Amino acid sequence: MKKIILFSAAMAMLATTFMSCKKDSPAPVVTMPVQTSFVKTLLTGQTIETVNLTYELGGTFKSSVKGNIKSLKVNVPQTGNYRVTLWKVSDHSIVATNTVTCTTINSWNNTLAVNIPIEADTEYILSTNCTKYYRFSAPAGTFPYTHGYVTLINYRGNSGLSQTFPASAYGALCYGFVDFNFQRSL
């Protein structure tokens, strides 16, 4: 009889323990910090020229980690709406196209919030089509230029108004200032 009482007491304690184990609060959500503007950082202190030609222009880049482009930015010498295209270099395909409204010239405040996933170690080009743009000549050895997880490989372009893959590489010349904020995936 003593064994039955002890066994019952032990079972009651076990049941109470399991029933009282509940999650009091959800697991914390981990958010990776957003890495800001790598092109803006590159341009600091450079002598910038204005060019009046129609081109699809932008920078070739890759990230060392998987993540998301969180915002797009353009810095151009005239106001208006600018088509910004993310291209995958390996097959020249369009990953995403968005319009960024430029209300302030010579400013990185012309932004658009987005959430575009990108893969690690994959080359992309972020370009904009414009009829007037900025350029500068980078000092020798500037490229590849790494800022955080993102490496800017070179600048590319293609003449005309159409949304055409920017195939021509420009060496140390940097044309068409398009930038983005990047957030690493967990």
C-alpha atoms as a PDB file:
ATOM      1  CA  MET A   1       0.000   0.000   0.000  1.00  0.00           C
ATOM      2  CA  LYS A   2       2.869   2.314   0.828  1.00  0.00           C
ATOM      3  CA  LYS A   3       4.334   1.663  -2.656  1.00  0.00           C
ATOM      4  CA  ILE A   4       1.043   2.574  -4.320  1.00  0.00           C
ATOM      5  CA  ILE A   5       0.805   5.851  -2.413  1.00  0.00           C
ATOM      6  CA  LEU A   6       4.449   6.737  -3.219  1.00  0.00           C
ATOM      7  CA  PHE A   7       3.912   5.775  -6.879  1.00  0.00           C
ATOM      8  CA  SER A   8       0.734   7.920  -7.044  1.00  0.00           C
ATOM      9  CA  ALA A   9       2.478  10.864  -5.418  1.00  0.00           C
ATOM     10  CA  ALA A  10       5.381  10.602  -7.860  1.00  0.00           C
ATOM     11  CA  MET A  11       3.006  10.474 -10.831  1.00  0.00           C
ATOM     12  CA  ALA A  12       1.085  13.502  -9.544  1.00  0.00           C
ATOM     13  CA  MET A  13       4.327  15.482  -9.197  1.00  0.00           C
ATOM     14  CA  LEU A  14       5.414  14.491 -12.708  1.00  0.00           C
ATOM     15  CA  ALA A  15       2.050  15.456 -14.188  1.00  0.00           C
ATOM     16  CA  THR A  16       2.142  18.810 -12.393  1.00  0.00           C
ATOM     17  CA  THR A  17       5.674  19.454 -13.667  1.00  0.00           C
ATOM     18  CA  PHE A  18       4.798  18.682 -17.302  1.00  0.00           C
ATOM     19  CA  MET A  19       1.536  20.605 -17.209  1.00  0.00           C
ATOM     20  CA  SER A  20       3.162  23.700 -15.720  1.00  0.00           C
ATOM     21  CA  CYS A  21       5.907  23.764 -18.389  1.00  0.00           C
ATOM     22  CA  LYS A  22       4.644  26.203 -20.910  1.00  0.00           C
ATOM     23  CA  LYS A  23       6.251  28.941 -22.903  1.00  0.00           C
ATOM     24  CA  ASP A  24       5.844  32.195 -21.070  1.00  0.00           C
ATOM     25  CA  SER A  25       7.037  34.284 -23.984  1.00  0.00           C
ATOM     26  CA  PRO A  26       7.863  33.704 -27.617  1.00  0.00           C
ATOM     27  CA  ALA A  27      11.478  33.271 -28.677  1.00  0.00           C
ATOM     28  CA  PRO A  28      13.194  36.576 -29.388  1.00  0.00           C
ATOM     29  CA  VAL A  29      13.282  37.637 -33.030  1.00  0.00           C
ATOM     30  CA  VAL A  30      16.816  38.255 -34.263  1.00  0.00           C
ATOM     31  CA  THR A  31      17.159  40.999 -36.860  1.00  0.00           C
ATOM     32  CA  MET A  32      20.437  41.565 -38.633  1.00  0.00           C
ATOM     33  CA  PRO A  33      21.581  45.198 -38.942  1.00  0.00           C
ATOM     34  CA  VAL A  34      21.165  46.951 -42.281  1.00  0.00           C
ATOM     35  CA  GLN A  35      24.419  47.813 -44.070  1.00  0.00           C
ATOM     36  CA  THR A  36      24.180  51.215 -45.672  1.00  0.00           C
ATOM     37  CA  SER A  37      25.271  52.718 -48.952  1.00  0.00           C
ATOM     38  CA  PHE A  38      28.497  51.314 -50.344  1.00  0.00           C
ATOM     39  CA  VAL A  39      28.538  53.587 -53.438  1.00  0.00           C
ATOM     40  CA  LYS A  40      27.981  56.698 -51.326  1.00  0.00           C
ATOM     41  CA  THR A  41      31.015  55.686 -49.252  1.00  0.00           C
ATOM     42  CA  LEU A  42      33.127  55.197 -52.392  1.00  0.00           C
ATOM     43  CA  LEU A  43      32.199  58.656 -53.747  1.00  0.00           C
ATOM     44  CA  THR A  44      33.214  60.590 -50.634  1.00  0.00           C
ATOM     45  CA  GLY A  45      35.785  63.226 -51.593  1.00  0.00           C
ATOM     46  CA  GLN A  46      35.729  62.441 -55.352  1.00  0.00           C
ATOM     47  CA  THR A  47      35.559  65.045 -58.137  1.00  0.00           C
ATOM     48  CA  ILE A  48      32.231  64.467 -59.887  1.00  0.00           C
ATOM     49  CA  GLU A  49      31.363  65.476 -63.478  1.00  0.00           C
ATOM     50  CA  THR A  50      27.925  65.774 -65.112  1.00  0.00           C
ATOM     51  CA  VAL A  51      27.318  64.039 -68.472  1.00  0.00           C
ATOM     52  CA  ASN A  52      24.351  64.633 -70.841  1.00  0.00           C
ATOM     53  CA  LEU A  53      23.901  61.304 -72.663  1.00  0.00           C
ATOM     54  CA  THR A  54      21.228  58.584 -72.503  1.00  0.00           C
ATOM     55  CA  TYR A  55      22.477  55.337 -70.957  1.00  0.00           C
ATOM     56  CA  GLU A  56      21.589  52.338 -68.800  1.00  0.00           C
ATOM     57  CA  LEU A  57      24.338  52.640 -66.163  1.00  0.00           C
ATOM     58  CA  GLY A  58      25.281  50.980 -62.918  1.00  0.00           C
ATOM     59  CA  GLY A  59      27.645  48.945 -60.813  1.00  0.00           C
ATOM     60  CA  THR A  60      28.476  45.248 -60.820  1.00  0.00           C
ATOM     61  CA  PHE A  61      28.567  43.844 -57.293  1.00  0.00           C
ATOM     62  CA  LYS A  62      28.371  40.683 -55.229  1.00  0.00           C
ATOM     63  CA  SER A  63      27.770  39.940 -51.572  1.00  0.00           C
ATOM     64  CA  SER A  64      29.783  37.484 -49.513  1.00  0.00           C
ATOM     65  CA  VAL A  65      26.574  36.450 -47.708  1.00  0.00           C
ATOM     66  CA  LYS A  66      22.934  35.815 -48.623  1.00  0.00           C
ATOM     67  CA  GLY A  67      20.602  38.691 -47.857  1.00  0.00           C
ATOM     68  CA  ASN A  68      18.096  41.290 -49.056  1.00  0.00           C
ATOM     69  CA  ILE A  69      18.336  44.660 -50.711  1.00  0.00           C
ATOM     70  CA  LYS A  70      16.206  46.812 -48.386  1.00  0.00           C
ATOM     71  CA  SER A  71      16.171  50.105 -50.294  1.00  0.00           C
ATOM     72  CA  LEU A  72      17.228  51.514 -53.657  1.00  0.00           C
ATOM     73  CA  LYS A  73      18.822  54.952 -54.096  1.00  0.00           C
ATOM     74  CA  VAL A  74      19.700  57.167 -57.049  1.00  0.00           C
ATOM     75  CA  ASN A  75      21.870  60.275 -57.129  1.00  0.00           C
ATOM     76  CA  VAL A  76      21.350  62.143 -60.421  1.00  0.00           C
ATOM     77  CA  PRO A  77      21.625  65.750 -61.683  1.00  0.00           C
ATOM     78  CA  GLN A  78      17.937  66.138 -62.604  1.00  0.00           C
ATOM     79  CA  THR A  79      14.588  65.374 -61.005  1.00  0.00           C
ATOM     80  CA  GLY A  80      12.141  62.792 -62.366  1.00  0.00           C
ATOM     81  CA  ASN A  81      11.299  59.103 -62.245  1.00  0.00           C
ATOM     82  CA  TYR A  82      14.163  56.661 -62.749  1.00  0.00           C
ATOM     83  CA  ARG A  83      13.852  53.001 -63.631  1.00  0.00           C
ATOM     84  CA  VAL A  84      16.243  50.982 -61.460  1.00  0.00           C
ATOM     85  CA  THR A  85      16.976  47.420 -62.572  1.00  0.00           C
ATOM     86  CA  LEU A  86      18.714  44.561 -60.765  1.00  0.00           C
ATOM     87  CA  TRP A  87      20.316  42.189 -63.299  1.00  0.00           C
ATOM     88  CA  LYS A  88      21.851  38.765 -62.719  1.00  0.00           C
ATOM     89  CA  VAL A  89      25.169  38.820 -64.604  1.00  0.00           C
ATOM     90  CA  SER A  90      25.436  35.077 -65.350  1.00  0.00           C
ATOM     91  CA  ASP A  91      22.370  34.979 -67.624  1.00  0.00           C
ATOM     92  CA  HIS A  92      21.639  38.717 -68.143  1.00  0.00           C
ATOM     93  CA  SER A  93      18.182  38.212 -66.586  1.00  0.00           C
ATOM     94  CA  ILE A  94      16.206  40.897 -64.777  1.00  0.00           C
ATOM     95  CA  VAL A  95      15.793  40.078 -61.085  1.00  0.00           C
ATOM     96  CA  ALA A  96      13.725  43.170 -60.236  1.00  0.00           C
ATOM     97  CA  THR A  97      12.711  46.519 -61.703  1.00  0.00           C
ATOM     98  CA  ASN A  98      11.472  49.482 -59.675  1.00  0.00           C
ATOM     99  CA  THR A  99      10.945  53.195 -60.171  1.00  0.00           C
ATOM    100  CA  VAL A 100      12.703  55.626 -57.843  1.00  0.00           C
ATOM    101  CA  THR A 101      11.410  59.194 -57.833  1.00  0.00           C
ATOM    102  CA  CYS A 102      14.171  61.787 -57.695  1.00  0.00           C
ATOM    103  CA  THR A 103      12.920  64.962 -56.050  1.00  0.00           C
ATOM    104  CA  THR A 104      16.321  66.340 -55.027  1.00  0.00           C
ATOM    105  CA  ILE A 105      19.324  66.546 -57.327  1.00  0.00           C
ATOM    106  CA  ASN A 106      22.812  65.618 -56.109  1.00  0.00           C
ATOM    107  CA  SER A 107      21.342  63.801 -53.106  1.00  0.00           C
ATOM    108  CA  TRP A 108      21.122  60.212 -51.809  1.00  0.00           C
ATOM    109  CA  ASN A 109      17.704  61.018 -50.258  1.00  0.00           C
ATOM    110  CA  ASN A 110      15.931  59.711 -53.400  1.00  0.00           C
ATOM    111  CA  THR A 111      15.090  56.253 -52.048  1.00  0.00           C
ATOM    112  CA  LEU A 112      12.546  53.459 -52.423  1.00  0.00           C
ATOM    113  CA  ALA A 113      11.961  50.748 -49.806  1.00  0.00           C
ATOM    114  CA  VAL A 114      12.127  47.235 -51.278  1.00  0.00           C
ATOM    115  CA  ASN A 115      12.851  43.678 -50.179  1.00  0.00           C
ATOM    116  CA  ILE A 116      14.781  41.942 -52.958  1.00  0.00           C
ATOM    117  CA  PRO A 117      16.617  38.706 -52.073  1.00  0.00           C
ATOM    118  CA  ILE A 118      20.136  38.162 -53.380  1.00  0.00           C
ATOM    119  CA  GLU A 119      22.375  35.100 -53.188  1.00  0.00           C
ATOM    120  CA  ALA A 120      25.900  35.008 -51.808  1.00  0.00           C
ATOM    121  CA  ASP A 121      28.810  35.085 -54.288  1.00  0.00           C
ATOM    122  CA  THR A 122      26.523  35.851 -57.244  1.00  0.00           C
ATOM    123  CA  GLU A 123      27.307  38.819 -59.478  1.00  0.00           C
ATOM    124  CA  TYR A 124      24.559  41.384 -60.045  1.00  0.00           C
ATOM    125  CA  ILE A 125      24.361  44.776 -61.729  1.00  0.00           C
ATOM    126  CA  LEU A 126      22.205  47.521 -60.242  1.00  0.00           C
ATOM    127  CA  SER A 127      21.538  50.082 -62.966  1.00  0.00           C
ATOM    128  CA  THR A 128      19.384  53.062 -63.806  1.00  0.00           C
ATOM    129  CA  ASN A 129      18.401  54.530 -67.160  1.00  0.00           C
ATOM    130  CA  CYS A 130      19.008  58.262 -67.422  1.00  0.00           C
ATOM    131  CA  THR A 131      19.591  61.096 -69.874  1.00  0.00           C
ATOM    132  CA  LYS A 132      21.874  63.031 -67.538  1.00  0.00           C
ATOM    133  CA  TYR A 133      24.160  61.445 -64.964  1.00  0.00           C
ATOM    134  CA  TYR A 134      27.247  61.855 -62.794  1.00  0.00           C
ATOM    135  CA  ARG A 135      30.614  60.189 -63.294  1.00  0.00           C
ATOM    136  CA  PHE A 136      34.090  60.189 -61.803  1.00  0.00           C
ATOM    137  CA  SER A 137      37.391  58.522 -62.505  1.00  0.00           C
ATOM    138  CA  ALA A 138      38.417  56.231 -59.655  1.00  0.00           C
ATOM    139  CA  PRO A 139      42.071  56.083 -58.643  1.00  0.00           C
ATOM    140  CA  ALA A 140      44.021  53.028 -59.828  1.00  0.00           C
ATOM    141  CA  GLY A 141      43.439  50.016 -57.601  1.00  0.00           C
ATOM    142  CA  THR A 142      39.997  51.159 -56.393  1.00  0.00           C
ATOM    143  CA  PHE A 143      38.193  48.095 -57.756  1.00  0.00           C
ATOM    144  CA  PRO A 144      37.191  45.732 -56.438  1.00  0.00           C
ATOM    145  CA  TYR A 145      35.891  47.972 -53.638  1.00  0.00           C
ATOM    146  CA  THR A 146      34.556  46.182 -50.539  1.00  0.00           C
ATOM    147  CA  HIS A 147      32.293  47.788 -47.946  1.00  0.00           C
ATOM    148  CA  GLY A 148      30.984  45.341 -45.349  1.00  0.00           C
ATOM    149  CA  TYR A 149      29.565  42.253 -47.086  1.00  0.00           C
ATOM    150  CA  VAL A 150      29.253  43.924 -50.497  1.00  0.00           C
ATOM    151  CA  THR A 151      32.007  44.179 -53.122  1.00  0.00           C
ATOM    152  CA  LEU A 152      31.661  46.619 -56.014  1.00  0.00           C
ATOM    153  CA  ILE A 153      33.478  45.017 -58.952  1.00  0.00           C
ATOM    154  CA  ASN A 154      33.159  47.655 -61.699  1.00  0.00           C
ATOM    155  CA  TYR A 155      30.792  49.990 -63.509  1.00  0.00           C
ATOM    156  CA  ARG A 156      28.949  49.060 -66.705  1.00  0.00           C
ATOM    157  CA  GLY A 157      26.679  50.693 -69.227  1.00  0.00           C
ATOM    158  CA  ASN A 158      24.764  50.459 -72.461  1.00  0.00           C
ATOM    159  CA  SER A 159      23.756  53.350 -74.702  1.00  0.00           C
ATOM    160  CA  GLY A 160      20.069  54.170 -75.224  1.00  0.00           C
ATOM    161  CA  LEU A 161      16.675  54.486 -73.545  1.00  0.00           C
ATOM    162  CA  SER A 162      15.763  50.791 -73.588  1.00  0.00           C
ATOM    163  CA  GLN A 163      16.098  48.491 -70.619  1.00  0.00           C
ATOM    164  CA  THR A 164      19.097  46.594 -71.975  1.00  0.00           C
ATOM    165  CA  PHE A 165      21.725  44.651 -70.039  1.00  0.00           C
ATOM    166  CA  PRO A 166      24.671  47.015 -69.388  1.00  0.00           C
ATOM    167  CA  ALA A 167      27.385  44.920 -71.080  1.00  0.00           C
ATOM    168  CA  SER A 168      30.219  47.437 -71.515  1.00  0.00           C
ATOM    169  CA  ALA A 169      32.663  47.597 -68.582  1.00  0.00           C
ATOM    170  CA  TYR A 170      34.286  50.980 -67.874  1.00  0.00           C
ATOM    171  CA  GLY A 171      37.419  50.147 -65.893  1.00  0.00           C
ATOM    172  CA  ALA A 172      38.149  52.980 -63.465  1.00  0.00           C
ATOM    173  CA  LEU A 173      35.327  55.217 -64.755  1.00  0.00           C
ATOM    174  CA  CYS A 174      32.253  55.226 -62.545  1.00  0.00           C
ATOM    175  CA  TYR A 175      28.973  56.167 -64.232  1.00  0.00           C
ATOM    176  CA  GLY A 176      25.402  56.412 -62.970  1.00  0.00           C
ATOM    177  CA  PHE A 177      25.138  56.526 -59.220  1.00  0.00           C
ATOM    178  CA  VAL A 178      22.731  53.862 -58.016  1.00  0.00           C
ATOM    179  CA  ASP A 179      23.053  52.457 -54.508  1.00  0.00           C
ATOM    180  CA  PHE A 180      21.246  50.252 -52.001  1.00  0.00           C
ATOM    181  CA  ASN A 181      21.026  49.235 -48.380  1.00  0.00           C
ATOM    182  CA  PHE A 182      21.677  45.546 -47.679  1.00  0.00           C
ATOM    183  CA  GLN A 183      20.586  43.264 -44.847  1.00  0.00           C
ATOM    184  CA  ARG A 184      22.228  39.898 -44.271  1.00  0.00           C
ATOM    185  CA  SER A 185      19.913  36.894 -43.896  1.00  0.00           C
ATOM    186  CA  LEU A 186      20.154  34.720 -40.813  1.00  0.00           C
END
